[in-house]
Amino acid sequence: MAKPQLIIFDCDGVLIDSEVIAAQVQSEMLREEGIELDAAESAARFAGLTWKTILDRLSEETGHRFSETFMNRVDAEIDRRLGSEAEEIVGAREMLERLELPRCICSNSSAARLELELDHVGLWDFFRPHVFSAGDVGRAKPAPDVFLHALKVFEVAGPQSVVIEDSVHGVTGAKAAGCRVVGFTGAGHSYPGHADALTEAGAETVINRLADFPAVVEVFAEWQDG
């Protein structure tokens, strides 16, 4: 197995404990539309998906049609909350300081939201300018487009990259791009069975502390791809 040459991070739920905030806002505002969706259930089912995809799925399930105004209003409230309430995942800064390999972010969030929340928690300078939003380069996860874009930018093959992801959708996209994947369950939205779900999606191992990630990267060069 080739030695890792690039580390690819998801942002929400891996570096920033933001999925739980987004789920809370979505749950509160969906109630105004007559849709009851508990924040914990929302995070478990939809973490890693775009808001548009979530609404499309809810429309299929309930028959309710959501206006573009509603979608934009929820997005704006999530941005407002993330810009003032989001916190980095415990150990994120220390972990990043220990890693020496090139790194980037591949996320379903918009470029504007990524800069907003990364700047808020002080992690923006660890990644800029290599912060890639799926919406800017192709289809959203679980499609592999944003990962393939990162591999092209860094001129690295999939097996030479290590991705850390907290969602089944993210793991699925990373595996489809040929990357090696570590699952992460240390954010506030983690749920019973989370680690098993990530493993079933293709993660080679799962951790719940970012402090453990540098050691995993070191040994990945020795592991056979499962």
C-alpha atoms as a PDB file:
ATOM      1  CA  MET A   1       0.000   0.000   0.000  1.00  0.00           C
ATOM      2  CA  ALA A   2       1.377   3.408  -0.984  1.00  0.00           C
ATOM      3  CA  LYS A   3       2.544   5.765   1.719  1.00  0.00           C
ATOM      4  CA  PRO A   4      -0.025   8.503   2.471  1.00  0.00           C
ATOM      5  CA  GLN A   5       0.693  11.754   0.638  1.00  0.00           C
ATOM      6  CA  LEU A   6      -2.433  13.780   1.447  1.00  0.00           C
ATOM      7  CA  ILE A   7      -4.886  14.062   4.309  1.00  0.00           C
ATOM      8  CA  ILE A   8      -8.441  15.083   3.470  1.00  0.00           C
ATOM      9  CA  PHE A   9     -10.727  16.349   6.218  1.00  0.00           C
ATOM     10  CA  ASP A  10     -14.438  16.705   6.296  1.00  0.00           C
ATOM     11  CA  CYS A  11     -15.245  19.851   8.274  1.00  0.00           C
ATOM     12  CA  ASP A  12     -18.649  19.637   9.965  1.00  0.00           C
ATOM     13  CA  GLY A  13     -18.615  16.904  12.563  1.00  0.00           C
ATOM     14  CA  VAL A  14     -14.876  16.267  12.218  1.00  0.00           C
ATOM     15  CA  LEU A  15     -13.127  19.590  12.840  1.00  0.00           C
ATOM     16  CA  ILE A  16     -16.086  21.626  14.054  1.00  0.00           C
ATOM     17  CA  ASP A  17     -18.934  20.407  16.245  1.00  0.00           C
ATOM     18  CA  SER A  18     -21.488  21.982  13.938  1.00  0.00           C
ATOM     19  CA  GLU A  19     -23.775  19.149  12.827  1.00  0.00           C
ATOM     20  CA  VAL A  20     -25.658  19.259  16.112  1.00  0.00           C
ATOM     21  CA  ILE A  21     -26.242  23.020  15.721  1.00  0.00           C
ATOM     22  CA  ALA A  22     -27.501  22.630  12.164  1.00  0.00           C
ATOM     23  CA  ALA A  23     -29.805  19.792  13.232  1.00  0.00           C
ATOM     24  CA  GLN A  24     -31.255  21.892  16.048  1.00  0.00           C
ATOM     25  CA  VAL A  25     -31.991  24.809  13.731  1.00  0.00           C
ATOM     26  CA  GLN A  26     -33.511  22.543  11.101  1.00  0.00           C
ATOM     27  CA  SER A  27     -35.698  20.781  13.652  1.00  0.00           C
ATOM     28  CA  GLU A  28     -36.945  24.064  15.147  1.00  0.00           C
ATOM     29  CA  MET A  29     -37.760  25.629  11.793  1.00  0.00           C
ATOM     30  CA  LEU A  30     -39.256  22.496  10.254  1.00  0.00           C
ATOM     31  CA  ARG A  31     -41.754  22.542  13.112  1.00  0.00           C
ATOM     32  CA  GLU A  32     -43.001  25.849  11.737  1.00  0.00           C
ATOM     33  CA  GLU A  33     -43.811  23.957   8.526  1.00  0.00           C
ATOM     34  CA  GLY A  34     -45.676  21.278  10.437  1.00  0.00           C
ATOM     35  CA  ILE A  35     -42.863  18.722  10.177  1.00  0.00           C
ATOM     36  CA  GLU A  36     -41.831  17.062  13.438  1.00  0.00           C
ATOM     37  CA  LEU A  37     -38.220  15.896  13.235  1.00  0.00           C
ATOM     38  CA  ASP A  38     -36.211  15.487  16.412  1.00  0.00           C
ATOM     39  CA  ALA A  39     -32.746  17.076  16.233  1.00  0.00           C
ATOM     40  CA  ALA A  40     -31.035  13.829  17.226  1.00  0.00           C
ATOM     41  CA  GLU A  41     -32.901  11.900  14.549  1.00  0.00           C
ATOM     42  CA  SER A  42     -32.090  14.597  12.006  1.00  0.00           C
ATOM     43  CA  ALA A  43     -28.378  14.436  12.807  1.00  0.00           C
ATOM     44  CA  ALA A  44     -28.317  10.645  12.639  1.00  0.00           C
ATOM     45  CA  ARG A  45     -30.196  10.459   9.330  1.00  0.00           C
ATOM     46  CA  PHE A  46     -28.967  13.494   7.478  1.00  0.00           C
ATOM     47  CA  ALA A  47     -25.501  14.473   8.755  1.00  0.00           C
ATOM     48  CA  GLY A  48     -23.247  15.172   5.808  1.00  0.00           C
ATOM     49  CA  LEU A  49     -26.027  15.924   3.316  1.00  0.00           C
ATOM     50  CA  THR A  50     -26.827  19.320   1.857  1.00  0.00           C
ATOM     51  CA  TRP A  51     -29.910  21.135   3.151  1.00  0.00           C
ATOM     52  CA  LYS A  52     -31.502  20.909  -0.294  1.00  0.00           C
ATOM     53  CA  THR A  53     -31.049  17.136  -0.328  1.00  0.00           C
ATOM     54  CA  ILE A  54     -32.558  16.874   3.150  1.00  0.00           C
ATOM     55  CA  LEU A  55     -35.611  18.869   2.094  1.00  0.00           C
ATOM     56  CA  ASP A  56     -35.989  16.803  -1.067  1.00  0.00           C
ATOM     57  CA  ARG A  57     -36.027  13.622   1.002  1.00  0.00           C
ATOM     58  CA  LEU A  58     -38.492  15.051   3.497  1.00  0.00           C
ATOM     59  CA  SER A  59     -40.732  16.144   0.626  1.00  0.00           C
ATOM     60  CA  GLU A  60     -40.728  12.589  -0.718  1.00  0.00           C
ATOM     61  CA  GLU A  61     -41.604  11.211   2.715  1.00  0.00           C
ATOM     62  CA  THR A  62     -44.266  13.714   3.721  1.00  0.00           C
ATOM     63  CA  GLY A  63     -45.587  15.227   0.505  1.00  0.00           C
ATOM     64  CA  HIS A  64     -44.869  18.689   1.910  1.00  0.00           C
ATOM     65  CA  ARG A  65     -43.407  21.211  -0.537  1.00  0.00           C
ATOM     66  CA  PHE A  66     -40.803  23.598   0.849  1.00  0.00           C
ATOM     67  CA  SER A  67     -40.355  27.029  -0.671  1.00  0.00           C
ATOM     68  CA  GLU A  68     -36.981  28.405  -1.701  1.00  0.00           C
ATOM     69  CA  THR A  69     -37.593  31.231   0.769  1.00  0.00           C
ATOM     70  CA  PHE A  70     -37.865  28.715   3.613  1.00  0.00           C
ATOM     71  CA  MET A  71     -34.713  26.903   2.494  1.00  0.00           C
ATOM     72  CA  ASN A  72     -32.761  30.164   2.380  1.00  0.00           C
ATOM     73  CA  ARG A  73     -34.127  31.339   5.728  1.00  0.00           C
ATOM     74  CA  VAL A  74     -32.963  28.151   7.444  1.00  0.00           C
ATOM     75  CA  ASP A  75     -29.546  28.398   5.797  1.00  0.00           C
ATOM     76  CA  ALA A  76     -29.189  31.979   6.998  1.00  0.00           C
ATOM     77  CA  GLU A  77     -30.101  31.017  10.572  1.00  0.00           C
ATOM     78  CA  ILE A  78     -27.617  28.133  10.543  1.00  0.00           C
ATOM     79  CA  ASP A  79     -24.896  30.512   9.365  1.00  0.00           C
ATOM     80  CA  ARG A  80     -25.794  32.961  12.113  1.00  0.00           C
ATOM     81  CA  ARG A  81     -25.654  30.272  14.800  1.00  0.00           C
ATOM     82  CA  LEU A  82     -22.438  28.725  13.495  1.00  0.00           C
ATOM     83  CA  GLY A  83     -20.769  32.126  13.367  1.00  0.00           C
ATOM     84  CA  SER A  84     -21.392  32.671  17.066  1.00  0.00           C
ATOM     85  CA  GLU A  85     -21.812  29.221  18.673  1.00  0.00           C
ATOM     86  CA  ALA A  86     -19.699  26.689  16.784  1.00  0.00           C
ATOM     87  CA  GLU A  87     -16.741  25.176  18.603  1.00  0.00           C
ATOM     88  CA  GLU A  88     -13.860  23.104  17.331  1.00  0.00           C
ATOM     89  CA  ILE A  89     -13.917  19.398  18.089  1.00  0.00           C
ATOM     90  CA  VAL A  90     -11.796  18.688  21.158  1.00  0.00           C
ATOM     91  CA  GLY A  91      -8.169  18.256  20.147  1.00  0.00           C
ATOM     92  CA  ALA A  92      -8.532  19.551  16.582  1.00  0.00           C
ATOM     93  CA  ARG A  93      -5.839  22.236  16.791  1.00  0.00           C
ATOM     94  CA  GLU A  94      -3.331  19.985  18.556  1.00  0.00           C
ATOM     95  CA  MET A  95      -3.956  17.211  16.053  1.00  0.00           C
ATOM     96  CA  LEU A  96      -3.408  19.538  13.085  1.00  0.00           C
ATOM     97  CA  GLU A  97      -0.171  20.831  14.600  1.00  0.00           C
ATOM     98  CA  ARG A  98       1.148  17.256  14.779  1.00  0.00           C
ATOM     99  CA  LEU A  99       0.428  16.397  11.152  1.00  0.00           C
ATOM    100  CA  GLU A 100       3.092  17.191   8.568  1.00  0.00           C
ATOM    101  CA  LEU A 101       1.481  15.927   5.364  1.00  0.00           C
ATOM    102  CA  PRO A 102      -0.317  18.242   2.931  1.00  0.00           C
ATOM    103  CA  ARG A 103      -3.956  18.667   3.914  1.00  0.00           C
ATOM    104  CA  CYS A 104      -7.231  20.006   2.618  1.00  0.00           C
ATOM    105  CA  ILE A 105     -10.943  20.089   3.408  1.00  0.00           C
ATOM    106  CA  CYS A 106     -13.625  18.460   1.254  1.00  0.00           C
ATOM    107  CA  SER A 107     -17.113  19.391   2.411  1.00  0.00           C
ATOM    108  CA  ASN A 108     -20.714  19.614   1.295  1.00  0.00           C
ATOM    109  CA  SER A 109     -21.015  23.002   3.020  1.00  0.00           C
ATOM    110  CA  SER A 110     -20.775  26.177   0.949  1.00  0.00           C
ATOM    111  CA  ALA A 111     -17.426  27.921   0.639  1.00  0.00           C
ATOM    112  CA  ALA A 112     -18.824  30.913   2.513  1.00  0.00           C
ATOM    113  CA  ARG A 113     -20.030  28.782   5.428  1.00  0.00           C
ATOM    114  CA  LEU A 114     -16.738  26.916   5.634  1.00  0.00           C
ATOM    115  CA  GLU A 115     -14.757  30.130   5.864  1.00  0.00           C
ATOM    116  CA  LEU A 116     -17.227  31.546   8.409  1.00  0.00           C
ATOM    117  CA  GLU A 117     -17.028  28.643  10.823  1.00  0.00           C
ATOM    118  CA  LEU A 118     -13.343  27.826  10.354  1.00  0.00           C
ATOM    119  CA  ASP A 119     -12.430  31.452  10.938  1.00  0.00           C
ATOM    120  CA  HIS A 120     -14.699  31.569  13.994  1.00  0.00           C
ATOM    121  CA  VAL A 121     -12.870  28.685  15.690  1.00  0.00           C
ATOM    122  CA  GLY A 122      -9.423  29.764  14.460  1.00  0.00           C
ATOM    123  CA  LEU A 123      -8.712  26.872  12.089  1.00  0.00           C
ATOM    124  CA  TRP A 124      -8.968  28.671   8.740  1.00  0.00           C
ATOM    125  CA  ASP A 125      -5.230  29.281   8.414  1.00  0.00           C
ATOM    126  CA  PHE A 126      -4.486  25.564   8.787  1.00  0.00           C
ATOM    127  CA  PHE A 127      -6.171  24.912   5.428  1.00  0.00           C
ATOM    128  CA  ARG A 128      -6.546  27.963   3.203  1.00  0.00           C
ATOM    129  CA  PRO A 129      -6.617  28.055   0.245  1.00  0.00           C
ATOM    130  CA  HIS A 130      -7.299  24.330   0.047  1.00  0.00           C
ATOM    131  CA  VAL A 131     -10.878  24.355   1.313  1.00  0.00           C
ATOM    132  CA  PHE A 132     -13.090  22.699  -1.283  1.00  0.00           C
ATOM    133  CA  SER A 133     -16.876  22.916  -1.366  1.00  0.00           C
ATOM    134  CA  ALA A 134     -18.619  20.148  -3.294  1.00  0.00           C
ATOM    135  CA  GLY A 135     -21.065  22.652  -4.737  1.00  0.00           C
ATOM    136  CA  ASP A 136     -18.231  24.498  -6.458  1.00  0.00           C
ATOM    137  CA  VAL A 137     -16.719  21.474  -8.184  1.00  0.00           C
ATOM    138  CA  GLY A 138     -19.580  19.081  -8.954  1.00  0.00           C
ATOM    139  CA  ARG A 139     -22.109  16.920  -7.191  1.00  0.00           C
ATOM    140  CA  ALA A 140     -22.463  16.762  -3.415  1.00  0.00           C
ATOM    141  CA  LYS A 141     -21.440  13.773  -1.329  1.00  0.00           C
ATOM    142  CA  PRO A 142     -22.114  10.842  -1.488  1.00  0.00           C
ATOM    143  CA  ALA A 143     -20.860  11.495  -5.028  1.00  0.00           C
ATOM    144  CA  PRO A 144     -17.036  11.417  -5.120  1.00  0.00           C
ATOM    145  CA  ASP A 145     -16.627  14.678  -7.058  1.00  0.00           C
ATOM    146  CA  VAL A 146     -15.136  16.873  -4.338  1.00  0.00           C
ATOM    147  CA  PHE A 147     -12.617  14.176  -3.354  1.00  0.00           C
ATOM    148  CA  LEU A 148     -11.612  13.641  -6.973  1.00  0.00           C
ATOM    149  CA  HIS A 149     -11.111  17.390  -7.280  1.00  0.00           C
ATOM    150  CA  ALA A 150      -8.759  17.418  -4.293  1.00  0.00           C
ATOM    151  CA  LEU A 151      -6.773  14.477  -5.652  1.00  0.00           C
ATOM    152  CA  LYS A 152      -6.361  16.298  -8.964  1.00  0.00           C
ATOM    153  CA  VAL A 153      -5.251  19.541  -7.302  1.00  0.00           C
ATOM    154  CA  PHE A 154      -2.606  17.766  -5.219  1.00  0.00           C
ATOM    155  CA  GLU A 155      -1.693  15.297  -8.011  1.00  0.00           C
ATOM    156  CA  VAL A 156      -2.202  12.356  -5.655  1.00  0.00           C
ATOM    157  CA  ALA A 157      -3.820   8.980  -6.330  1.00  0.00           C
ATOM    158  CA  GLY A 158      -6.758   7.858  -4.224  1.00  0.00           C
ATOM    159  CA  PRO A 159      -4.872   5.160  -2.269  1.00  0.00           C
ATOM    160  CA  GLN A 160      -2.232   7.769  -1.350  1.00  0.00           C
ATOM    161  CA  SER A 161      -4.814   9.848   0.505  1.00  0.00           C
ATOM    162  CA  VAL A 162      -6.374   9.403   3.930  1.00  0.00           C
ATOM    163  CA  VAL A 163      -9.843  10.857   4.481  1.00  0.00           C
ATOM    164  CA  ILE A 164     -11.456  11.360   7.895  1.00  0.00           C
ATOM    165  CA  GLU A 165     -15.252  11.460   7.788  1.00  0.00           C
ATOM    166  CA  ASP A 166     -18.109  11.407  10.294  1.00  0.00           C
ATOM    167  CA  SER A 167     -20.976  10.532   7.937  1.00  0.00           C
ATOM    168  CA  VAL A 168     -21.946   7.489   5.921  1.00  0.00           C
ATOM    169  CA  HIS A 169     -22.458   9.774   2.918  1.00  0.00           C
ATOM    170  CA  GLY A 170     -18.940  11.146   3.236  1.00  0.00           C
ATOM    171  CA  VAL A 171     -17.357   7.724   3.675  1.00  0.00           C
ATOM    172  CA  THR A 172     -19.257   6.472   0.628  1.00  0.00           C
ATOM    173  CA  GLY A 173     -18.002   9.351  -1.516  1.00  0.00           C
ATOM    174  CA  ALA A 174     -14.412   8.995  -0.347  1.00  0.00           C
ATOM    175  CA  LYS A 175     -14.376   5.259  -1.042  1.00  0.00           C
ATOM    176  CA  ALA A 176     -15.842   5.872  -4.492  1.00  0.00           C
ATOM    177  CA  ALA A 177     -12.895   8.197  -5.172  1.00  0.00           C
ATOM    178  CA  GLY A 178     -10.485   5.409  -4.206  1.00  0.00           C
ATOM    179  CA  CYS A 179      -9.370   7.017  -0.936  1.00  0.00           C
ATOM    180  CA  ARG A 180      -8.606   5.287   2.332  1.00  0.00           C
ATOM    181  CA  VAL A 181     -11.046   6.337   5.025  1.00  0.00           C
ATOM    182  CA  VAL A 182     -11.050   6.749   8.795  1.00  0.00           C
ATOM    183  CA  GLY A 183     -14.438   7.123  10.452  1.00  0.00           C
ATOM    184  CA  PHE A 184     -14.912   9.630  13.271  1.00  0.00           C
ATOM    185  CA  THR A 185     -17.554   9.483  16.007  1.00  0.00           C
ATOM    186  CA  GLY A 186     -16.356  12.126  18.453  1.00  0.00           C
ATOM    187  CA  ALA A 187     -18.776  14.964  17.645  1.00  0.00           C
ATOM    188  CA  GLY A 188     -21.922  15.931  19.498  1.00  0.00           C
ATOM    189  CA  HIS A 189     -24.262  14.345  16.952  1.00  0.00           C
ATOM    190  CA  SER A 190     -22.843  10.819  17.271  1.00  0.00           C
ATOM    191  CA  TYR A 191     -25.469   8.126  17.873  1.00  0.00           C
ATOM    192  CA  PRO A 192     -25.695   4.432  18.866  1.00  0.00           C
ATOM    193  CA  GLY A 193     -24.480   2.335  15.969  1.00  0.00           C
ATOM    194  CA  HIS A 194     -22.582   5.245  14.395  1.00  0.00           C
ATOM    195  CA  ALA A 195     -19.234   3.420  14.292  1.00  0.00           C
ATOM    196  CA  ASP A 196     -20.815   0.311  12.793  1.00  0.00           C
ATOM    197  CA  ALA A 197     -22.528   2.392  10.106  1.00  0.00           C
ATOM    198  CA  LEU A 198     -19.235   4.039   9.115  1.00  0.00           C
ATOM    199  CA  THR A 199     -17.475   0.681   9.000  1.00  0.00           C
ATOM    200  CA  GLU A 200     -20.205  -0.814   6.837  1.00  0.00           C
ATOM    201  CA  ALA A 201     -19.880   2.161   4.466  1.00  0.00           C
ATOM    202  CA  GLY A 202     -16.187   1.407   4.004  1.00  0.00           C
ATOM    203  CA  ALA A 203     -14.147   3.049   6.784  1.00  0.00           C
ATOM    204  CA  GLU A 204     -11.060   0.945   7.542  1.00  0.00           C
ATOM    205  CA  THR A 205     -11.093   1.976  11.173  1.00  0.00           C
ATOM    206  CA  VAL A 206     -13.124   4.305  13.395  1.00  0.00           C
ATOM    207  CA  ILE A 207     -11.871   6.649  16.115  1.00  0.00           C
ATOM    208  CA  ASN A 208     -13.656   8.922  18.564  1.00  0.00           C
ATOM    209  CA  ARG A 209     -10.702  11.123  19.558  1.00  0.00           C
ATOM    210  CA  LEU A 210      -8.845  13.354  17.133  1.00  0.00           C
ATOM    211  CA  ALA A 211      -5.736  12.854  19.255  1.00  0.00           C
ATOM    212  CA  ASP A 212      -5.599   9.307  17.846  1.00  0.00           C
ATOM    213  CA  PHE A 213      -5.668  10.354  14.191  1.00  0.00           C
ATOM    214  CA  PRO A 214      -1.938  11.113  13.623  1.00  0.00           C
ATOM    215  CA  ALA A 215      -1.006   7.626  14.837  1.00  0.00           C
ATOM    216  CA  VAL A 216      -3.563   6.090  12.482  1.00  0.00           C
ATOM    217  CA  VAL A 217      -2.069   8.016   9.566  1.00  0.00           C
ATOM    218  CA  GLU A 218       1.375   6.709  10.479  1.00  0.00           C
ATOM    219  CA  VAL A 219       0.319   3.068  10.472  1.00  0.00           C
ATOM    220  CA  PHE A 220      -1.917   3.270   7.388  1.00  0.00           C
ATOM    221  CA  ALA A 221       1.139   2.872   5.174  1.00  0.00           C
ATOM    222  CA  GLU A 222       1.629  -0.566   6.749  1.00  0.00           C
ATOM    223  CA  TRP A 223      -2.008  -1.708   6.620  1.00  0.00           C
ATOM    224  CA  GLN A 224      -3.512  -3.690   3.815  1.00  0.00           C
ATOM    225  CA  ASP A 225      -6.594  -2.006   2.395  1.00  0.00           C
ATOM    226  CA  GLY A 226      -9.635  -3.841   3.790  1.00  0.00           C
END
